[in-house]
Amino acid sequence: MTEPDPNASDSELRARLGSLKSAIKRAEENEKPGAGPAGEDKALAGAMSSGFRAATDLAGGIIAGALIGYLGDRWLGTSPFLLIAFLAIGTIAGFKSVYRLGSRPTSGSMRDPKRD
């Protein structure tokens, strides 16, 4: 077996080290807030969070209204009337909650009040 030339492996190692340094530098530049895929992931996560919150608020209002109406009907013996009334109230409350969530200003759309 012959030994590898130490000068050749040195130059190969220096080339690999240089490419590694440039790759690390590019990765650090992409990690700045709002730059590259990391910023897009945060925006997507925020949108999904708002969507799940809206769906939960709507479903919660409807279910709570139906449950209150059903239990009130069983207690008072007024079969479908309270169920229908509280189901409508719960649906309106759920939509109102979703509307308030959707009409909130986001961090990217805030304007400077001095400029208006």
N, C-alpha and C. Protein backbone atom coordinates (compact mmCIF):
# COMPACT_ATOMS: atom_id res chain seq x y z
N MET A 1 0.82 -1.18 0.00
CA MET A 1 0.00 0.00 0.00
C MET A 1 0.87 1.24 0.00
N THR A 2 0.41 2.19 -0.76
CA THR A 2 1.16 3.45 -0.80
C THR A 2 0.45 4.48 0.06
N GLU A 3 1.21 5.32 0.66
CA GLU A 3 0.64 6.37 1.49
C GLU A 3 0.17 7.53 0.62
N PRO A 4 -0.97 8.13 0.96
CA PRO A 4 -1.45 9.27 0.18
C PRO A 4 -0.54 10.47 0.36
N ASP A 5 -0.50 11.29 -0.64
CA ASP A 5 0.33 12.48 -0.61
C ASP A 5 -0.26 13.48 0.38
N PRO A 6 0.47 13.88 1.42
CA PRO A 6 -0.09 14.79 2.43
C PRO A 6 -0.44 16.16 1.85
N ASN A 7 0.28 16.62 0.83
CA ASN A 7 -0.03 17.92 0.25
C ASN A 7 -1.36 17.89 -0.52
N ALA A 8 -1.65 16.77 -1.19
CA ALA A 8 -2.90 16.65 -1.95
C ALA A 8 -4.10 16.61 -0.99
N SER A 9 -3.98 15.87 0.08
CA SER A 9 -5.11 15.80 1.01
C SER A 9 -5.30 17.13 1.73
N ASP A 10 -4.21 17.86 1.96
CA ASP A 10 -4.31 19.18 2.58
C ASP A 10 -5.11 20.14 1.70
N SER A 11 -4.84 20.15 0.43
CA SER A 11 -5.57 21.06 -0.46
C SER A 11 -7.04 20.64 -0.58
N GLU A 12 -7.30 19.33 -0.57
CA GLU A 12 -8.68 18.86 -0.60
C GLU A 12 -9.42 19.26 0.67
N LEU A 13 -8.76 19.13 1.81
CA LEU A 13 -9.38 19.51 3.07
C LEU A 13 -9.66 21.01 3.12
N ARG A 14 -8.73 21.81 2.60
CA ARG A 14 -8.95 23.27 2.59
C ARG A 14 -10.13 23.63 1.69
N ALA A 15 -10.26 22.94 0.56
CA ALA A 15 -11.39 23.20 -0.34
C ALA A 15 -12.71 22.82 0.33
N ARG A 16 -12.73 21.68 1.02
CA ARG A 16 -13.93 21.26 1.73
C ARG A 16 -14.27 22.22 2.86
N LEU A 17 -13.23 22.69 3.57
CA LEU A 17 -13.45 23.64 4.65
C LEU A 17 -14.02 24.95 4.12
N GLY A 18 -13.51 25.41 3.00
CA GLY A 18 -14.03 26.64 2.39
C GLY A 18 -15.48 26.51 1.97
N SER A 19 -15.83 25.36 1.38
CA SER A 19 -17.22 25.17 0.97
C SER A 19 -18.14 25.05 2.19
N LEU A 20 -17.64 24.45 3.26
CA LEU A 20 -18.42 24.34 4.49
C LEU A 20 -18.66 25.71 5.11
N LYS A 21 -17.64 26.56 5.11
CA LYS A 21 -17.79 27.91 5.66
C LYS A 21 -18.83 28.71 4.87
N SER A 22 -18.78 28.58 3.54
CA SER A 22 -19.75 29.33 2.73
C SER A 22 -21.17 28.78 2.93
N ALA A 23 -21.31 27.47 3.13
CA ALA A 23 -22.63 26.90 3.39
C ALA A 23 -23.18 27.37 4.73
N ILE A 24 -22.33 27.46 5.74
CA ILE A 24 -22.74 27.93 7.06
C ILE A 24 -23.15 29.40 6.98
N LYS A 25 -22.42 30.18 6.22
CA LYS A 25 -22.74 31.59 6.08
C LYS A 25 -24.10 31.78 5.40
N ARG A 26 -24.37 30.99 4.35
CA ARG A 26 -25.67 31.07 3.67
C ARG A 26 -26.80 30.66 4.61
N ALA A 27 -26.57 29.62 5.42
CA ALA A 27 -27.60 29.16 6.35
C ALA A 27 -27.89 30.21 7.41
N GLU A 28 -26.87 30.90 7.89
CA GLU A 28 -27.08 31.95 8.90
C GLU A 28 -27.84 33.12 8.31
N GLU A 29 -27.59 33.46 7.05
CA GLU A 29 -28.31 34.56 6.40
C GLU A 29 -29.78 34.21 6.23
N ASN A 30 -30.10 32.95 5.98
CA ASN A 30 -31.49 32.53 5.80
C ASN A 30 -32.25 32.47 7.11
N GLU A 31 -31.57 32.44 8.24
CA GLU A 31 -32.25 32.35 9.53
C GLU A 31 -32.65 33.69 10.11
N LYS A 32 -32.37 34.78 9.40
CA LYS A 32 -32.79 36.09 9.89
C LYS A 32 -34.31 36.15 9.90
N PRO A 33 -34.92 36.87 10.87
CA PRO A 33 -36.38 36.91 10.96
C PRO A 33 -37.01 37.45 9.69
N GLY A 34 -38.03 36.74 9.20
CA GLY A 34 -38.76 37.16 8.02
C GLY A 34 -38.07 36.85 6.72
N ALA A 35 -36.93 36.20 6.74
CA ALA A 35 -36.22 35.89 5.50
C ALA A 35 -36.26 34.41 5.23
N GLY A 36 -36.49 34.05 4.01
CA GLY A 36 -36.42 32.67 3.58
C GLY A 36 -37.57 31.82 4.08
N PRO A 37 -37.38 30.52 4.01
CA PRO A 37 -38.45 29.60 4.37
C PRO A 37 -38.87 29.68 5.83
N ALA A 38 -37.98 30.06 6.72
CA ALA A 38 -38.35 30.11 8.14
C ALA A 38 -39.44 31.15 8.37
N GLY A 39 -39.37 32.29 7.70
CA GLY A 39 -40.39 33.32 7.83
C GLY A 39 -41.72 32.87 7.25
N GLU A 40 -41.66 32.11 6.15
CA GLU A 40 -42.87 31.60 5.53
C GLU A 40 -43.53 30.56 6.44
N ASP A 41 -42.73 29.75 7.11
CA ASP A 41 -43.28 28.75 8.03
C ASP A 41 -44.01 29.42 9.19
N LYS A 42 -43.45 30.51 9.71
CA LYS A 42 -44.10 31.21 10.82
C LYS A 42 -45.41 31.84 10.36
N ALA A 43 -45.43 32.38 9.14
CA ALA A 43 -46.66 32.98 8.62
C ALA A 43 -47.73 31.91 8.43
N LEU A 44 -47.32 30.76 7.91
CA LEU A 44 -48.27 29.67 7.71
C LEU A 44 -48.80 29.16 9.04
N ALA A 45 -47.93 29.05 10.03
CA ALA A 45 -48.35 28.59 11.35
C ALA A 45 -49.33 29.58 11.98
N GLY A 46 -49.09 30.87 11.81
CA GLY A 46 -50.01 31.87 12.34
C GLY A 46 -51.37 31.82 11.66
N ALA A 47 -51.36 31.61 10.35
CA ALA A 47 -52.63 31.51 9.61
C ALA A 47 -53.40 30.26 10.01
N MET A 48 -52.69 29.15 10.17
CA MET A 48 -53.35 27.92 10.58
C MET A 48 -53.91 28.06 12.00
N SER A 49 -53.17 28.73 12.86
CA SER A 49 -53.64 28.93 14.23
C SER A 49 -54.93 29.76 14.24
N SER A 50 -54.96 30.81 13.43
CA SER A 50 -56.17 31.63 13.36
C SER A 50 -57.33 30.84 12.78
N GLY A 51 -57.07 30.03 11.78
CA GLY A 51 -58.12 29.21 11.18
C GLY A 51 -58.70 28.20 12.14
N PHE A 52 -57.82 27.52 12.87
CA PHE A 52 -58.31 26.56 13.86
C PHE A 52 -59.07 27.24 14.99
N ARG A 53 -58.62 28.44 15.37
CA ARG A 53 -59.33 29.17 16.42
C ARG A 53 -60.71 29.57 15.95
N ALA A 54 -60.81 30.02 14.69
CA ALA A 54 -62.12 30.42 14.14
C ALA A 54 -63.06 29.21 14.08
N ALA A 55 -62.55 28.08 13.62
CA ALA A 55 -63.38 26.88 13.53
C ALA A 55 -63.83 26.43 14.92
N THR A 56 -62.95 26.50 15.88
CA THR A 56 -63.28 26.09 17.25
C THR A 56 -64.32 27.03 17.86
N ASP A 57 -64.16 28.33 17.64
CA ASP A 57 -65.14 29.29 18.17
C ASP A 57 -66.52 29.06 17.57
N LEU A 58 -66.57 28.82 16.26
CA LEU A 58 -67.86 28.60 15.61
C LEU A 58 -68.50 27.31 16.10
N ALA A 59 -67.73 26.22 16.10
CA ALA A 59 -68.27 24.94 16.55
C ALA A 59 -68.66 24.99 18.03
N GLY A 60 -67.86 25.65 18.84
CA GLY A 60 -68.16 25.76 20.27
C GLY A 60 -69.46 26.51 20.52
N GLY A 61 -69.69 27.60 19.79
CA GLY A 61 -70.93 28.35 19.95
C GLY A 61 -72.15 27.53 19.57
N ILE A 62 -72.04 26.80 18.45
CA ILE A 62 -73.17 25.99 18.00
C ILE A 62 -73.45 24.84 18.97
N ILE A 63 -72.40 24.16 19.39
CA ILE A 63 -72.58 23.02 20.30
C ILE A 63 -73.10 23.48 21.66
N ALA A 64 -72.55 24.57 22.17
CA ALA A 64 -73.01 25.07 23.47
C ALA A 64 -74.48 25.49 23.41
N GLY A 65 -74.85 26.17 22.34
CA GLY A 65 -76.26 26.57 22.20
C GLY A 65 -77.19 25.38 22.09
N ALA A 66 -76.79 24.38 21.31
CA ALA A 66 -77.63 23.18 21.17
C ALA A 66 -77.74 22.44 22.49
N LEU A 67 -76.66 22.35 23.22
CA LEU A 67 -76.67 21.64 24.50
C LEU A 67 -77.56 22.36 25.52
N ILE A 68 -77.42 23.67 25.60
CA ILE A 68 -78.26 24.43 26.54
C ILE A 68 -79.73 24.30 26.16
N GLY A 69 -80.03 24.40 24.87
CA GLY A 69 -81.42 24.28 24.42
C GLY A 69 -81.99 22.89 24.68
N TYR A 70 -81.20 21.86 24.43
CA TYR A 70 -81.66 20.49 24.66
C TYR A 70 -81.94 20.24 26.14
N LEU A 71 -80.99 20.66 26.99
CA LEU A 71 -81.18 20.47 28.43
C LEU A 71 -82.34 21.30 28.96
N GLY A 72 -82.51 22.52 28.44
CA GLY A 72 -83.64 23.34 28.85
C GLY A 72 -84.97 22.72 28.43
N ASP A 73 -85.02 22.14 27.24
CA ASP A 73 -86.24 21.46 26.78
C ASP A 73 -86.56 20.25 27.65
N ARG A 74 -85.57 19.49 28.02
CA ARG A 74 -85.81 18.32 28.87
C ARG A 74 -86.29 18.74 30.25
N TRP A 75 -85.74 19.83 30.76
CA TRP A 75 -86.08 20.28 32.11
C TRP A 75 -87.49 20.88 32.14
N LEU A 76 -87.82 21.69 31.11
CA LEU A 76 -89.11 22.38 31.10
C LEU A 76 -90.19 21.65 30.30
N GLY A 77 -89.80 20.66 29.51
CA GLY A 77 -90.77 19.90 28.72
C GLY A 77 -91.32 20.67 27.53
N THR A 78 -90.53 21.55 26.95
CA THR A 78 -90.96 22.36 25.81
C THR A 78 -90.24 21.89 24.55
N SER A 79 -90.46 20.66 24.18
CA SER A 79 -89.60 19.91 23.28
C SER A 79 -88.78 20.69 22.25
N PRO A 80 -89.12 21.07 21.09
CA PRO A 80 -88.04 21.58 20.23
C PRO A 80 -87.80 23.08 20.35
N PHE A 81 -88.60 23.82 21.12
CA PHE A 81 -88.55 25.28 21.08
C PHE A 81 -87.24 25.86 21.63
N LEU A 82 -86.85 25.46 22.81
CA LEU A 82 -85.60 26.00 23.38
C LEU A 82 -84.39 25.52 22.59
N LEU A 83 -84.44 24.30 22.08
CA LEU A 83 -83.33 23.79 21.26
C LEU A 83 -83.14 24.67 20.04
N ILE A 84 -84.22 24.98 19.35
CA ILE A 84 -84.12 25.82 18.15
C ILE A 84 -83.65 27.23 18.52
N ALA A 85 -84.21 27.79 19.59
CA ALA A 85 -83.86 29.15 19.99
C ALA A 85 -82.39 29.25 20.39
N PHE A 86 -81.93 28.34 21.24
CA PHE A 86 -80.55 28.41 21.69
C PHE A 86 -79.56 27.97 20.61
N LEU A 87 -79.99 27.12 19.71
CA LEU A 87 -79.14 26.77 18.58
C LEU A 87 -78.91 28.00 17.70
N ALA A 88 -79.94 28.78 17.48
CA ALA A 88 -79.80 30.03 16.71
C ALA A 88 -78.91 31.02 17.45
N ILE A 89 -79.12 31.16 18.76
CA ILE A 89 -78.30 32.08 19.56
C ILE A 89 -76.83 31.64 19.55
N GLY A 90 -76.58 30.34 19.70
CA GLY A 90 -75.21 29.83 19.68
C GLY A 90 -74.54 30.03 18.33
N THR A 91 -75.32 29.85 17.25
CA THR A 91 -74.77 30.06 15.91
C THR A 91 -74.42 31.53 15.70
N ILE A 92 -75.29 32.42 16.13
CA ILE A 92 -75.01 33.86 16.01
C ILE A 92 -73.78 34.24 16.84
N ALA A 93 -73.68 33.70 18.05
CA ALA A 93 -72.52 33.99 18.90
C ALA A 93 -71.23 33.46 18.27
N GLY A 94 -71.29 32.26 17.67
CA GLY A 94 -70.12 31.70 17.01
C GLY A 94 -69.68 32.54 15.82
N PHE A 95 -70.64 32.97 15.00
CA PHE A 95 -70.29 33.81 13.85
C PHE A 95 -69.77 35.17 14.28
N LYS A 96 -70.32 35.71 15.36
CA LYS A 96 -69.83 36.99 15.87
C LYS A 96 -68.38 36.87 16.36
N SER A 97 -68.07 35.77 17.01
CA SER A 97 -66.71 35.54 17.48
C SER A 97 -65.74 35.39 16.30
N VAL A 98 -66.17 34.68 15.26
CA VAL A 98 -65.32 34.51 14.07
C VAL A 98 -65.14 35.86 13.37
N TYR A 99 -66.19 36.66 13.32
CA TYR A 99 -66.10 37.98 12.70
C TYR A 99 -65.10 38.86 13.45
N ARG A 100 -65.19 38.85 14.79
CA ARG A 100 -64.25 39.65 15.58
C ARG A 100 -62.82 39.17 15.39
N LEU A 101 -62.63 37.87 15.28
CA LEU A 101 -61.30 37.32 15.06
C LEU A 101 -60.77 37.74 13.69
N GLY A 102 -61.64 37.73 12.70
CA GLY A 102 -61.21 38.10 11.35
C GLY A 102 -61.01 39.58 11.14
N SER A 103 -61.67 40.41 11.91
CA SER A 103 -61.54 41.85 11.74
C SER A 103 -60.42 42.45 12.57
N ARG A 104 -59.75 41.63 13.37
CA ARG A 104 -58.60 42.11 14.14
C ARG A 104 -57.47 42.50 13.20
N PRO A 105 -56.76 43.59 13.47
CA PRO A 105 -55.61 43.92 12.63
C PRO A 105 -54.47 42.94 12.89
N THR A 106 -53.78 42.57 11.83
CA THR A 106 -52.61 41.70 11.98
C THR A 106 -51.37 42.55 12.15
N SER A 107 -50.29 41.93 12.56
CA SER A 107 -49.06 42.69 12.82
C SER A 107 -48.49 43.30 11.54
N GLY A 108 -48.72 42.67 10.39
CA GLY A 108 -48.18 43.19 9.14
C GLY A 108 -49.00 44.32 8.55
N SER A 109 -50.23 44.50 9.00
CA SER A 109 -51.10 45.50 8.37
C SER A 109 -51.31 46.74 9.24
N MET A 110 -50.57 46.87 10.31
CA MET A 110 -50.74 48.04 11.17
C MET A 110 -50.13 49.25 10.49
N ARG A 111 -50.89 50.35 10.49
CA ARG A 111 -50.42 51.57 9.87
C ARG A 111 -50.00 52.57 10.92
N ASP A 112 -49.16 53.48 10.51
CA ASP A 112 -48.72 54.55 11.41
C ASP A 112 -49.83 55.59 11.49
N PRO A 113 -50.40 55.84 12.67
CA PRO A 113 -51.51 56.79 12.78
C PRO A 113 -51.10 58.21 12.39
N LYS A 114 -49.82 58.58 12.47
CA LYS A 114 -49.38 59.91 12.10
C LYS A 114 -49.44 60.13 10.60
N ARG A 115 -49.36 59.05 9.82
CA ARG A 115 -49.35 59.16 8.37
C ARG A 115 -50.76 59.28 7.81
N ASP A 116 -51.80 58.88 8.56
CA ASP A 116 -53.18 58.92 8.05
C ASP A 116 -53.74 60.31 8.04
